[in-house]
C-alpha atoms as a PDB file:
ATOM      1  CA  MET A   1     -41.057  35.232  56.949  1.00  0.00           C
ATOM      2  CA  VAL A   2     -39.981  33.804  53.595  1.00  0.00           C
ATOM      3  CA  THR A   3     -40.432  36.243  50.741  1.00  0.00           C
ATOM      4  CA  GLN A   4     -42.007  35.335  47.423  1.00  0.00           C
ATOM      5  CA  HIS A   5     -38.663  35.957  45.701  1.00  0.00           C
ATOM      6  CA  ALA A   6     -36.983  33.385  47.929  1.00  0.00           C
ATOM      7  CA  LEU A   7     -39.736  30.846  47.235  1.00  0.00           C
ATOM      8  CA  ASN A   8     -39.396  31.365  43.487  1.00  0.00           C
ATOM      9  CA  ARG A   9     -35.623  31.000  43.722  1.00  0.00           C
ATOM     10  CA  GLN A  10     -35.984  27.763  45.688  1.00  0.00           C
ATOM     11  CA  ALA A  11     -38.534  26.407  43.259  1.00  0.00           C
ATOM     12  CA  LYS A  12     -36.384  27.120  40.202  1.00  0.00           C
ATOM     13  CA  PRO A  13     -35.565  23.765  38.563  1.00  0.00           C
ATOM     14  CA  LEU A  14     -31.987  22.734  37.962  1.00  0.00           C
ATOM     15  CA  SER A  15     -30.647  22.858  34.429  1.00  0.00           C
ATOM     16  CA  ILE A  16     -29.618  19.598  32.814  1.00  0.00           C
ATOM     17  CA  ASN A  17     -25.907  20.330  33.307  1.00  0.00           C
ATOM     18  CA  GLN A  18     -26.484  21.204  36.982  1.00  0.00           C
ATOM     19  CA  MET A  19     -28.328  17.911  37.415  1.00  0.00           C
ATOM     20  CA  ARG A  20     -25.436  16.032  35.816  1.00  0.00           C
ATOM     21  CA  ILE A  21     -22.898  17.717  38.078  1.00  0.00           C
ATOM     22  CA  LYS A  22     -25.006  16.924  41.107  1.00  0.00           C
ATOM     23  CA  ARG A  23     -25.404  13.288  40.048  1.00  0.00           C
ATOM     24  CA  PHE A  24     -21.642  13.099  39.567  1.00  0.00           C
ATOM     25  CA  LYS A  25     -21.002  14.471  43.068  1.00  0.00           C
ATOM     26  CA  GLN A  26     -23.442  11.978  44.551  1.00  0.00           C
ATOM     27  CA  ASN A  27     -21.197   9.200  43.299  1.00  0.00           C
ATOM     28  CA  ARG A  28     -18.763   9.560  46.194  1.00  0.00           C
ATOM     29  CA  ARG A  29     -16.287   7.040  44.834  1.00  0.00           C
ATOM     30  CA  GLY A  30     -15.966   8.794  41.486  1.00  0.00           C
ATOM     31  CA  TYR A  31     -15.987  12.294  42.972  1.00  0.00           C
ATOM     32  CA  ILE A  32     -13.234  11.484  45.486  1.00  0.00           C
ATOM     33  CA  SER A  33     -11.256   9.668  42.781  1.00  0.00           C
ATOM     34  CA  LEU A  34     -11.391  12.779  40.615  1.00  0.00           C
ATOM     35  CA  TRP A  35      -9.927  14.929  43.377  1.00  0.00           C
ATOM     36  CA  ILE A  36      -7.210  12.376  44.143  1.00  0.00           C
ATOM     37  CA  PHE A  37      -6.285  12.215  40.457  1.00  0.00           C
ATOM     38  CA  ILE A  38      -6.211  16.032  40.135  1.00  0.00           C
ATOM     39  CA  ILE A  39      -4.012  16.403  43.227  1.00  0.00           C
ATOM     40  CA  CYS A  40      -1.580  13.709  42.040  1.00  0.00           C
ATOM     41  CA  PHE A  41      -1.414  15.202  38.551  1.00  0.00           C
ATOM     42  CA  ILE A  42      -0.782  18.740  39.820  1.00  0.00           C
ATOM     43  CA  MET A  43       1.929  17.467  42.163  1.00  0.00           C
ATOM     44  CA  SER A  44       3.588  15.634  39.274  1.00  0.00           C
ATOM     45  CA  LEU A  45       3.614  18.861  37.231  1.00  0.00           C
ATOM     46  CA  PHE A  46       5.809  20.445  39.910  1.00  0.00           C
ATOM     47  CA  ALA A  47       7.886  17.338  40.595  1.00  0.00           C
ATOM     48  CA  GLU A  48      11.135  19.248  40.036  1.00  0.00           C
ATOM     49  CA  PHE A  49      10.404  21.318  43.138  1.00  0.00           C
ATOM     50  CA  PHE A  50      10.311  18.379  45.532  1.00  0.00           C
ATOM     51  CA  ILE A  51      12.100  15.487  43.744  1.00  0.00           C
ATOM     52  CA  ASN A  52      15.198  16.690  41.925  1.00  0.00           C
ATOM     53  CA  ASN A  53      18.983  16.491  41.995  1.00  0.00           C
ATOM     54  CA  LYS A  54      19.215  20.226  41.345  1.00  0.00           C
ATOM     55  CA  PRO A  55      18.701  22.907  43.994  1.00  0.00           C
ATOM     56  CA  ILE A  56      15.687  25.162  43.805  1.00  0.00           C
ATOM     57  CA  MET A  57      17.800  28.261  44.441  1.00  0.00           C
ATOM     58  CA  ILE A  58      21.444  29.083  45.166  1.00  0.00           C
ATOM     59  CA  LYS A  59      22.920  32.253  46.586  1.00  0.00           C
ATOM     60  CA  TYR A  60      26.634  32.493  45.790  1.00  0.00           C
ATOM     61  CA  GLN A  61      28.753  35.629  46.095  1.00  0.00           C
ATOM     62  CA  ASP A  62      25.682  37.858  46.445  1.00  0.00           C
ATOM     63  CA  GLN A  63      24.160  36.470  43.240  1.00  0.00           C
ATOM     64  CA  PHE A  64      21.111  34.246  42.955  1.00  0.00           C
ATOM     65  CA  TYR A  65      20.997  31.170  40.735  1.00  0.00           C
ATOM     66  CA  PHE A  66      18.049  28.939  39.850  1.00  0.00           C
ATOM     67  CA  PRO A  67      19.421  25.587  38.677  1.00  0.00           C
ATOM     68  CA  ILE A  68      15.914  24.139  38.546  1.00  0.00           C
ATOM     69  CA  VAL A  69      15.192  26.210  35.418  1.00  0.00           C
ATOM     70  CA  LYS A  70      18.682  26.846  34.023  1.00  0.00           C
ATOM     71  CA  ASP A  71      21.911  24.866  33.769  1.00  0.00           C
ATOM     72  CA  TYR A  72      25.128  26.312  35.163  1.00  0.00           C
ATOM     73  CA  VAL A  73      28.739  25.185  34.862  1.00  0.00           C
ATOM     74  CA  GLU A  74      31.131  24.393  37.704  1.00  0.00           C
ATOM     75  CA  THR A  75      33.212  27.523  37.104  1.00  0.00           C
ATOM     76  CA  ASP A  76      30.194  29.646  38.082  1.00  0.00           C
ATOM     77  CA  PHE A  77      30.620  28.317  41.620  1.00  0.00           C
ATOM     78  CA  GLY A  78      34.396  28.270  41.864  1.00  0.00           C
ATOM     79  CA  GLY A  79      34.921  24.892  40.194  1.00  0.00           C
ATOM     80  CA  GLU A  80      37.694  23.924  37.810  1.00  0.00           C
ATOM     81  CA  PHE A  81      35.770  22.583  34.804  1.00  0.00           C
ATOM     82  CA  SER A  82      33.395  24.221  32.335  1.00  0.00           C
ATOM     83  CA  THR A  83      30.992  21.308  32.531  1.00  0.00           C
ATOM     84  CA  THR A  84      27.463  21.213  33.913  1.00  0.00           C
ATOM     85  CA  ALA A  85      27.606  21.530  37.678  1.00  0.00           C
ATOM     86  CA  ASN A  86      26.905  18.428  39.733  1.00  0.00           C
ATOM     87  CA  TYR A  87      25.384  19.869  42.897  1.00  0.00           C
ATOM     88  CA  LEU A  88      25.597  16.531  44.696  1.00  0.00           C
ATOM     89  CA  ASP A  89      29.384  16.718  44.396  1.00  0.00           C
ATOM     90  CA  PRO A  90      30.687  17.529  47.908  1.00  0.00           C
ATOM     91  CA  THR A  91      33.355  19.838  46.467  1.00  0.00           C
ATOM     92  CA  ILE A  92      30.858  22.042  44.597  1.00  0.00           C
ATOM     93  CA  SER A  93      28.428  21.999  47.517  1.00  0.00           C
ATOM     94  CA  ARG A  94      31.172  23.038  49.947  1.00  0.00           C
ATOM     95  CA  LYS A  95      32.335  25.912  47.732  1.00  0.00           C
ATOM     96  CA  ILE A  96      28.800  27.261  47.478  1.00  0.00           C
ATOM     97  CA  LYS A  97      28.173  27.033  51.225  1.00  0.00           C
ATOM     98  CA  GLN A  98      31.418  28.891  51.954  1.00  0.00           C
ATOM     99  CA  ASP A  99      30.052  32.018  50.314  1.00  0.00           C
ATOM    100  CA  GLY A 100      26.290  31.499  50.166  1.00  0.00           C
ATOM    101  CA  PHE A 101      23.599  28.888  50.719  1.00  0.00           C
ATOM    102  CA  ILE A 102      21.587  26.218  48.874  1.00  0.00           C
ATOM    103  CA  ILE A 103      17.846  25.548  49.002  1.00  0.00           C
ATOM    104  CA  TRP A 104      17.297  21.893  48.114  1.00  0.00           C
ATOM    105  CA  PRO A 105      14.104  20.023  47.208  1.00  0.00           C
ATOM    106  CA  PRO A 106      12.951  17.665  49.988  1.00  0.00           C
ATOM    107  CA  PHE A 107      14.120  14.648  47.955  1.00  0.00           C
ATOM    108  CA  ARG A 108      17.513  15.041  46.237  1.00  0.00           C
ATOM    109  CA  TYR A 109      17.156  12.517  43.442  1.00  0.00           C
ATOM    110  CA  SER A 110      15.809  12.737  39.919  1.00  0.00           C
ATOM    111  CA  TYR A 111      14.805   9.834  37.714  1.00  0.00           C
ATOM    112  CA  ASN A 112      18.277   9.752  36.085  1.00  0.00           C
ATOM    113  CA  THR A 113      20.378  10.384  39.199  1.00  0.00           C
ATOM    114  CA  LEU A 114      22.846   7.572  39.858  1.00  0.00           C
ATOM    115  CA  VAL A 115      22.863   6.627  43.534  1.00  0.00           C
ATOM    116  CA  TYR A 116      26.347   6.396  45.052  1.00  0.00           C
ATOM    117  CA  ASN A 117      27.695   5.001  48.325  1.00  0.00           C
ATOM    118  CA  THR A 118      25.300   2.072  48.634  1.00  0.00           C
ATOM    119  CA  LYS A 119      26.109  -0.749  51.023  1.00  0.00           C
ATOM    120  CA  THR A 120      24.931  -3.461  48.635  1.00  0.00           C
ATOM    121  CA  THR A 121      24.838  -3.962  44.884  1.00  0.00           C
ATOM    122  CA  PHE A 122      21.937  -2.687  42.791  1.00  0.00           C
ATOM    123  CA  PRO A 123      19.024  -3.002  43.120  1.00  0.00           C
ATOM    124  CA  THR A 124      19.134  -1.892  46.736  1.00  0.00           C
ATOM    125  CA  ALA A 125      16.271  -2.298  49.176  1.00  0.00           C
ATOM    126  CA  PRO A 126      14.137   0.615  50.460  1.00  0.00           C
ATOM    127  CA  SER A 127      15.919   2.778  53.017  1.00  0.00           C
ATOM    128  CA  SER A 128      15.760   6.204  54.624  1.00  0.00           C
ATOM    129  CA  GLN A 129      17.831   7.510  51.710  1.00  0.00           C
ATOM    130  CA  ASN A 130      15.834   5.811  48.939  1.00  0.00           C
ATOM    131  CA  TRP A 131      12.312   5.241  50.200  1.00  0.00           C
ATOM    132  CA  LEU A 132      11.365   2.703  47.521  1.00  0.00           C
ATOM    133  CA  GLY A 133      14.863   1.393  46.832  1.00  0.00           C
ATOM    134  CA  THR A 134      16.830   1.618  43.607  1.00  0.00           C
ATOM    135  CA  THR A 135      16.639  -0.041  40.206  1.00  0.00           C
ATOM    136  CA  ASP A 136      19.193  -2.498  38.866  1.00  0.00           C
ATOM    137  CA  ALA A 137      20.825   0.448  37.070  1.00  0.00           C
ATOM    138  CA  GLY A 138      21.213   2.454  40.286  1.00  0.00           C
ATOM    139  CA  PHE A 139      18.370   4.958  39.865  1.00  0.00           C
ATOM    140  CA  ASP A 140      15.895   5.914  42.569  1.00  0.00           C
ATOM    141  CA  VAL A 141      12.547   4.093  42.254  1.00  0.00           C
ATOM    142  CA  LEU A 142      10.412   6.848  43.813  1.00  0.00           C
ATOM    143  CA  ALA A 143      11.763   9.493  41.427  1.00  0.00           C
ATOM    144  CA  ASN A 144      11.156   7.197  38.455  1.00  0.00           C
ATOM    145  CA  ILE A 145       7.577   6.574  39.613  1.00  0.00           C
ATOM    146  CA  VAL A 146       6.803  10.291  39.989  1.00  0.00           C
ATOM    147  CA  TYR A 147       8.308  11.298  36.643  1.00  0.00           C
ATOM    148  CA  GLY A 148       6.963   8.163  34.952  1.00  0.00           C
ATOM    149  CA  PHE A 149       3.494   8.970  36.272  1.00  0.00           C
ATOM    150  CA  ARG A 150       3.704  12.457  34.755  1.00  0.00           C
ATOM    151  CA  ILE A 151       4.882  11.341  31.322  1.00  0.00           C
ATOM    152  CA  SER A 152       2.217   8.595  31.258  1.00  0.00           C
ATOM    153  CA  ILE A 153      -0.530  11.120  32.010  1.00  0.00           C
ATOM    154  CA  PHE A 154       0.761  13.569  29.402  1.00  0.00           C
ATOM    155  CA  PHE A 155       0.952  10.809  26.802  1.00  0.00           C
ATOM    156  CA  ALA A 156      -2.532   9.561  27.636  1.00  0.00           C
ATOM    157  CA  ILE A 157      -4.109  13.037  27.593  1.00  0.00           C
ATOM    158  CA  LEU A 158      -2.540  13.961  24.246  1.00  0.00           C
ATOM    159  CA  LEU A 159      -3.445  10.596  22.737  1.00  0.00           C
ATOM    160  CA  THR A 160      -7.035  10.849  24.013  1.00  0.00           C
ATOM    161  CA  LEU A 161      -7.518  14.423  22.750  1.00  0.00           C
ATOM    162  CA  ILE A 162      -6.051  13.826  19.286  1.00  0.00           C
ATOM    163  CA  THR A 163      -7.774  10.497  18.689  1.00  0.00           C
ATOM    164  CA  SER A 164     -11.074  11.889  19.975  1.00  0.00           C
ATOM    165  CA  VAL A 165     -10.989  14.842  17.589  1.00  0.00           C
ATOM    166  CA  ILE A 166     -10.172  12.584  14.630  1.00  0.00           C
ATOM    167  CA  GLY A 167     -12.734   9.951  15.641  1.00  0.00           C
ATOM    168  CA  ILE A 168     -15.504  12.495  16.198  1.00  0.00           C
ATOM    169  CA  PHE A 169     -14.828  14.172  12.855  1.00  0.00           C
ATOM    170  CA  ILE A 170     -14.773  10.940  10.850  1.00  0.00           C
ATOM    171  CA  GLY A 171     -17.795   9.509  12.698  1.00  0.00           C
ATOM    172  CA  ALA A 172     -19.719  12.721  12.032  1.00  0.00           C
ATOM    173  CA  ILE A 173     -18.916  12.612   8.310  1.00  0.00           C
ATOM    174  CA  GLN A 174     -19.959   8.954   8.017  1.00  0.00           C
ATOM    175  CA  GLY A 175     -23.133   9.313  10.027  1.00  0.00           C
ATOM    176  CA  TYR A 176     -24.362  12.537   8.482  1.00  0.00           C
ATOM    177  CA  TYR A 177     -23.866  11.679   4.816  1.00  0.00           C
ATOM    178  CA  GLY A 178     -24.439   7.919   5.057  1.00  0.00           C
ATOM    179  CA  GLY A 179     -24.723   5.978   1.805  1.00  0.00           C
ATOM    180  CA  LYS A 180     -21.477   5.353  -0.062  1.00  0.00           C
ATOM    181  CA  VAL A 181     -19.499   7.620   2.295  1.00  0.00           C
ATOM    182  CA  ASP A 182     -20.538   5.507   5.254  1.00  0.00           C
ATOM    183  CA  LEU A 183     -20.029   2.230   3.369  1.00  0.00           C
ATOM    184  CA  VAL A 184     -16.498   3.104   2.224  1.00  0.00           C
ATOM    185  CA  GLY A 185     -15.609   4.464   5.652  1.00  0.00           C
ATOM    186  CA  GLN A 186     -16.769   1.317   7.436  1.00  0.00           C
ATOM    187  CA  ARG A 187     -14.856  -0.979   5.085  1.00  0.00           C
ATOM    188  CA  PHE A 188     -11.704   1.104   5.547  1.00  0.00           C
ATOM    189  CA  ILE A 189     -12.075   0.992   9.349  1.00  0.00           C
ATOM    190  CA  GLU A 190     -12.534  -2.794   9.246  1.00  0.00           C
ATOM    191  CA  ILE A 191      -9.329  -3.192   7.241  1.00  0.00           C
ATOM    192  CA  TRP A 192      -7.356  -0.648   9.268  1.00  0.00           C
ATOM    193  CA  SER A 193      -8.427  -2.076  12.625  1.00  0.00           C
ATOM    194  CA  GLY A 194      -7.254  -5.521  11.485  1.00  0.00           C
ATOM    195  CA  LEU A 195      -3.628  -4.439  11.062  1.00  0.00           C
ATOM    196  CA  PRO A 196      -1.219  -5.869  13.686  1.00  0.00           C
ATOM    197  CA  VAL A 197      -0.355  -2.708  15.628  1.00  0.00           C
ATOM    198  CA  LEU A 198       2.334  -4.293  17.777  1.00  0.00           C
ATOM    199  CA  PHE A 199       4.155  -5.742  14.769  1.00  0.00           C
ATOM    200  CA  VAL A 200       4.104  -2.355  13.029  1.00  0.00           C
ATOM    201  CA  ILE A 201       5.593  -0.678  16.122  1.00  0.00           C
ATOM    202  CA  ILE A 202       8.268  -3.389  16.383  1.00  0.00           C
ATOM    203  CA  LEU A 203       9.113  -2.886  12.723  1.00  0.00           C
ATOM    204  CA  LEU A 204       9.332   0.893  13.058  1.00  0.00           C
ATOM    205  CA  SER A 205      11.421   0.660  16.249  1.00  0.00           C
ATOM    206  CA  SER A 206      13.941  -1.482  14.375  1.00  0.00           C
ATOM    207  CA  ILE A 207      14.210   1.142  11.646  1.00  0.00           C
ATOM    208  CA  MET A 208      14.308   4.323  13.742  1.00  0.00           C
ATOM    209  CA  PRO A 209      14.640   5.076  17.460  1.00  0.00           C
ATOM    210  CA  LEU A 210      11.206   5.839  18.851  1.00  0.00           C
ATOM    211  CA  SER A 211      10.803   9.103  20.747  1.00  0.00           C
ATOM    212  CA  PHE A 212       7.830  10.379  22.729  1.00  0.00           C
ATOM    213  CA  TRP A 213       6.352  12.154  19.688  1.00  0.00           C
ATOM    214  CA  TRP A 214       7.008   9.299  17.264  1.00  0.00           C
ATOM    215  CA  LEU A 215       5.333   6.858  19.640  1.00  0.00           C
ATOM    216  CA  LEU A 216       2.408   9.240  20.060  1.00  0.00           C
ATOM    217  CA  ALA A 217       2.034   9.591  16.280  1.00  0.00           C
ATOM    218  CA  ILE A 218       2.034   5.816  15.769  1.00  0.00           C
ATOM    219  CA  THR A 219      -0.530   5.159  18.487  1.00  0.00           C
ATOM    220  CA  VAL A 220      -2.745   7.961  17.122  1.00  0.00           C
ATOM    221  CA  LEU A 221      -2.483   6.347  13.697  1.00  0.00           C
ATOM    222  CA  PHE A 222      -4.063   3.157  15.024  1.00  0.00           C
ATOM    223  CA  GLY A 223      -6.146   4.498  17.922  1.00  0.00           C
ATOM    224  CA  TRP A 224      -8.446   7.069  16.316  1.00  0.00           C
ATOM    225  CA  MET A 225     -11.277   4.561  15.773  1.00  0.00           C
ATOM    226  CA  ALA A 226     -12.429   4.391  19.411  1.00  0.00           C
ATOM    227  CA  LEU A 227     -15.183   7.015  19.092  1.00  0.00           C
ATOM    228  CA  VAL A 228     -16.098   6.619  15.427  1.00  0.00           C
ATOM    229  CA  GLY A 229     -18.839   4.048  16.050  1.00  0.00           C
ATOM    230  CA  VAL A 230     -20.518   6.022  18.843  1.00  0.00           C
ATOM    231  CA  VAL A 231     -20.545   9.328  16.955  1.00  0.00           C
ATOM    232  CA  ARG A 232     -21.565   7.651  13.690  1.00  0.00           C
ATOM    233  CA  ALA A 233     -24.548   5.940  15.331  1.00  0.00           C
ATOM    234  CA  GLU A 234     -25.727   9.192  16.924  1.00  0.00           C
ATOM    235  CA  PHE A 235     -25.479  11.074  13.626  1.00  0.00           C
ATOM    236  CA  LEU A 236     -27.318   8.303  11.773  1.00  0.00           C
ATOM    237  CA  ARG A 237     -30.090   8.472  14.354  1.00  0.00           C
ATOM    238  CA  THR A 238     -30.366  12.254  14.448  1.00  0.00           C
ATOM    239  CA  ARG A 239     -29.893  13.278  10.820  1.00  0.00           C
ATOM    240  CA  ASN A 240     -33.548  12.540   9.887  1.00  0.00           C
ATOM    241  CA  PHE A 241     -35.135  14.376  12.829  1.00  0.00           C
ATOM    242  CA  ASP A 242     -37.631  17.064  11.934  1.00  0.00           C
ATOM    243  CA  TYR A 243     -35.519  19.968  13.169  1.00  0.00           C
ATOM    244  CA  ILE A 244     -32.567  18.761  11.052  1.00  0.00           C
ATOM    245  CA  ARG A 245     -34.787  18.545   7.976  1.00  0.00           C
ATOM    246  CA  ALA A 246     -36.108  22.002   8.731  1.00  0.00           C
ATOM    247  CA  ALA A 247     -32.579  23.359   8.998  1.00  0.00           C
ATOM    248  CA  ARG A 248     -31.709  21.861   5.605  1.00  0.00           C
ATOM    249  CA  ALA A 249     -34.857  23.367   4.085  1.00  0.00           C
ATOM    250  CA  LEU A 250     -33.859  26.778   5.440  1.00  0.00           C
ATOM    251  CA  GLY A 251     -30.495  26.495   3.701  1.00  0.00           C
ATOM    252  CA  VAL A 252     -28.307  25.969   6.756  1.00  0.00           C
ATOM    253  CA  SER A 253     -24.895  24.610   5.738  1.00  0.00           C
ATOM    254  CA  ASP A 254     -24.027  20.978   6.375  1.00  0.00           C
ATOM    255  CA  SER A 255     -21.070  21.878   8.582  1.00  0.00           C
ATOM    256  CA  LYS A 256     -23.252  24.070  10.809  1.00  0.00           C
ATOM    257  CA  ILE A 257     -25.907  21.372  11.114  1.00  0.00           C
ATOM    258  CA  MET A 258     -23.305  18.716  11.923  1.00  0.00           C
ATOM    259  CA  PHE A 259     -21.261  20.551  14.512  1.00  0.00           C
ATOM    260  CA  LYS A 260     -23.832  22.900  16.026  1.00  0.00           C
ATOM    261  CA  HIS A 261     -27.084  20.931  16.009  1.00  0.00           C
ATOM    262  CA  ILE A 262     -26.161  17.223  15.951  1.00  0.00           C
ATOM    263  CA  LEU A 263     -22.744  17.043  17.608  1.00  0.00           C
ATOM    264  CA  PRO A 264     -23.940  18.270  21.055  1.00  0.00           C
ATOM    265  CA  ASN A 265     -26.238  15.234  21.194  1.00  0.00           C
ATOM    266  CA  ALA A 266     -23.357  12.913  20.318  1.00  0.00           C
ATOM    267  CA  MET A 267     -21.070  14.497  22.931  1.00  0.00           C
ATOM    268  CA  VAL A 268     -23.059  12.936  25.780  1.00  0.00           C
ATOM    269  CA  ALA A 269     -22.005   9.423  24.792  1.00  0.00           C
ATOM    270  CA  THR A 270     -18.545  10.656  23.842  1.00  0.00           C
ATOM    271  CA  LEU A 271     -17.788  12.265  27.204  1.00  0.00           C
ATOM    272  CA  THR A 272     -18.745   9.110  29.074  1.00  0.00           C
ATOM    273  CA  LEU A 273     -16.121   7.166  27.128  1.00  0.00           C
ATOM    274  CA  LEU A 274     -13.223   9.614  27.520  1.00  0.00           C
ATOM    275  CA  PRO A 275     -12.016   8.377  30.967  1.00  0.00           C
ATOM    276  CA  PHE A 276     -11.988   4.805  29.662  1.00  0.00           C
ATOM    277  CA  ILE A 277     -10.039   5.868  26.554  1.00  0.00           C
ATOM    278  CA  LEU A 278      -7.585   7.674  28.844  1.00  0.00           C
ATOM    279  CA  CYS A 279      -7.232   4.486  30.852  1.00  0.00           C
ATOM    280  CA  GLY A 280      -6.582   2.487  27.690  1.00  0.00           C
ATOM    281  CA  ALA A 281      -3.925   4.961  26.539  1.00  0.00           C
ATOM    282  CA  ILE A 282      -1.999   4.554  29.802  1.00  0.00           C
ATOM    283  CA  SER A 283      -2.239   0.770  29.498  1.00  0.00           C
ATOM    284  CA  THR A 284      -0.942   0.978  25.914  1.00  0.00           C
ATOM    285  CA  LEU A 285       2.123   3.002  26.874  1.00  0.00           C
ATOM    286  CA  THR A 286       2.827   0.773  29.884  1.00  0.00           C
ATOM    287  CA  SER A 287       2.553  -2.369  27.759  1.00  0.00           C
ATOM    288  CA  LEU A 288       4.864  -1.027  25.053  1.00  0.00           C
ATOM    289  CA  ASP A 289       7.457   0.027  27.627  1.00  0.00           C
ATOM    290  CA  PHE A 290       7.224  -3.361  29.317  1.00  0.00           C
ATOM    291  CA  LEU A 291       7.868  -5.101  25.979  1.00  0.00           C
ATOM    292  CA  GLY A 292      10.761  -2.756  25.187  1.00  0.00           C
ATOM    293  CA  PHE A 293       9.139  -0.941  22.261  1.00  0.00           C
ATOM    294  CA  GLY A 294       8.001   2.221  24.034  1.00  0.00           C
ATOM    295  CA  LEU A 295       9.773   5.331  25.243  1.00  0.00           C
ATOM    296  CA  PRO A 296      13.557   5.767  24.943  1.00  0.00           C
ATOM    297  CA  LEU A 297      15.675   4.044  27.568  1.00  0.00           C
ATOM    298  CA  ASP A 298      16.661   7.341  29.196  1.00  0.00           C
ATOM    299  CA  ALA A 299      13.020   8.324  29.813  1.00  0.00           C
ATOM    300  CA  PRO A 300      11.201   7.492  33.079  1.00  0.00           C
ATOM    301  CA  SER A 301       8.658   4.744  32.583  1.00  0.00           C
ATOM    302  CA  LEU A 302       6.207   2.809  34.738  1.00  0.00           C
ATOM    303  CA  GLY A 303       6.203  -0.070  32.270  1.00  0.00           C
ATOM    304  CA  ARG A 304       9.979  -0.383  32.450  1.00  0.00           C
ATOM    305  CA  LEU A 305       9.771  -0.534  36.233  1.00  0.00           C
ATOM    306  CA  LEU A 306       7.407  -3.481  35.853  1.00  0.00           C
ATOM    307  CA  LEU A 307       9.937  -5.102  33.551  1.00  0.00           C
ATOM    308  CA  GLN A 308      12.653  -4.550  36.144  1.00  0.00           C
ATOM    309  CA  GLY A 309      10.453  -6.188  38.754  1.00  0.00           C
ATOM    310  CA  LYS A 310      10.047  -9.200  36.439  1.00  0.00           C
ATOM    311  CA  ASN A 311      13.784  -9.434  35.810  1.00  0.00           C
ATOM    312  CA  ASN A 312      14.711  -8.969  39.483  1.00  0.00           C
ATOM    313  CA  LEU A 313      12.475 -11.278  41.475  1.00  0.00           C
ATOM    314  CA  GLN A 314      14.910 -11.003  44.380  1.00  0.00           C
ATOM    315  CA  ALA A 315      13.914  -7.302  44.620  1.00  0.00           C
ATOM    316  CA  PRO A 316      10.107  -7.446  45.042  1.00  0.00           C
ATOM    317  CA  TRP A 317       9.865  -3.734  45.850  1.00  0.00           C
ATOM    318  CA  LEU A 318      10.387  -2.923  42.156  1.00  0.00           C
ATOM    319  CA  GLY A 319       7.406  -4.855  40.840  1.00  0.00           C
ATOM    320  CA  ILE A 320       5.179  -4.117  43.835  1.00  0.00           C
ATOM    321  CA  SER A 321       5.787  -0.343  43.703  1.00  0.00           C
ATOM    322  CA  ALA A 322       5.131  -0.079  39.964  1.00  0.00           C
ATOM    323  CA  PHE A 323       2.100  -2.379  40.144  1.00  0.00           C
ATOM    324  CA  LEU A 324       0.473  -0.438  42.994  1.00  0.00           C
ATOM    325  CA  VAL A 325       0.948   2.894  41.217  1.00  0.00           C
ATOM    326  CA  ILE A 326      -0.420   1.638  37.882  1.00  0.00           C
ATOM    327  CA  ALA A 327      -3.302  -0.229  39.521  1.00  0.00           C
ATOM    328  CA  THR A 328      -4.236   2.826  41.614  1.00  0.00           C
ATOM    329  CA  LEU A 329      -4.046   5.165  38.609  1.00  0.00           C
ATOM    330  CA  LEU A 330      -6.187   2.928  36.399  1.00  0.00           C
ATOM    331  CA  SER A 331      -8.682   2.352  39.226  1.00  0.00           C
ATOM    332  CA  LEU A 332      -9.086   6.103  39.743  1.00  0.00           C
ATOM    333  CA  LEU A 333      -9.778   6.620  36.042  1.00  0.00           C
ATOM    334  CA  ILE A 334     -12.272   3.740  35.966  1.00  0.00           C
ATOM    335  CA  PHE A 335     -14.119   5.141  38.992  1.00  0.00           C
ATOM    336  CA  ILE A 336     -14.197   8.604  37.380  1.00  0.00           C
ATOM    337  CA  GLY A 337     -15.491   7.098  34.142  1.00  0.00           C
ATOM    338  CA  GLU A 338     -18.264   5.234  35.959  1.00  0.00           C
ATOM    339  CA  ALA A 339     -19.309   8.420  37.751  1.00  0.00           C
ATOM    340  CA  VAL A 340     -19.363  10.390  34.484  1.00  0.00           C
ATOM    341  CA  ARG A 341     -21.386   7.638  32.820  1.00  0.00           C
ATOM    342  CA  ASP A 342     -23.934   7.663  35.647  1.00  0.00           C
ATOM    343  CA  ALA A 343     -24.095  11.474  35.606  1.00  0.00           C
ATOM    344  CA  PHE A 344     -25.052  11.496  31.910  1.00  0.00           C
ATOM    345  CA  ASP A 345     -27.486   8.574  32.243  1.00  0.00           C
ATOM    346  CA  PRO A 346     -31.075   9.927  32.479  1.00  0.00           C
ATOM    347  CA  ASN A 347     -32.334   6.538  33.675  1.00  0.00           C
ATOM    348  CA  LYS A 348     -30.436   6.685  36.969  1.00  0.00           C
ATOM    349  CA  GLY A 349     -33.348   8.237  38.781  1.00  0.00           C
ATOM    350  CA  GLY A 350     -33.891  11.534  40.502  1.00  0.00           C
ATOM    351  CA  LEU A 351     -31.513  13.444  42.701  1.00  0.00           C
ATOM    352  CA  ARG A 352     -31.394  12.737  46.383  1.00  0.00           C
END
């Protein structure tokens, strides 16, 4: 017999956040895409443990070494030179195995490991040694894809977070105060958004070598406007509501009204746009790398792999591999964004 407590618990309505989570899960494509993206991202975080030219652990003369987190010199393992140990060197490997053992990652190449002893000139075709072949510079394609995937995601996440914070703050200021503040802000955004971003990056790259952080700073400088319009419109709509007027009459500070009472309403539209902004950030980095104005040449890059595929049409595995990875990554983010948008849309109907 069902107790009254059980009936009351079953009849308890879902909160709005629980309904959104349930709507998100009902979108199977977006929900599965989220899990695939999370798994791929977590695996890329630990890429050194399964794709690396350094051993995970070495035991030599009753001492343990961890080259994956610390560099050692050849003399530590009986070598002749005080240079960083090359563990792929047969001489060093043999000396270690004579008085210890080596635990290797499953795949013994990093993104900057030069492949030796190939039967043909670079780029070489996929083989049992290099599953996706090598680049025209002699580097493993699979390792470059894994490390390039990780740096693209890190770049996109940082760019999305920083630009979102700036855009939300400026949109909130414009929308809440309105009047001359909003007018001046809109005219400045119109002028700033009209600047040729690519030409500015080309100019800066000719003056100074662009690093990861310099490139991030430049793209933040021109990419913070993505959320300004959405947040501004929500603040303009909400600032004259009765409860906002009541809060002003009670002497509540403007900052508290903006970020405690109005901002939560604006976050609904903001959160639905974040996956699409993340997607755009990855496309931006890939495009800049493809054009040669992105990350340094010694950094792994998906865009540079696309460029190699364009320059080496006789090696189709380069372009196909990079294209499939980028297309899959962007598709996952688009599917996640659609699911988030549907989850926050109250007009999508009831739960099934």
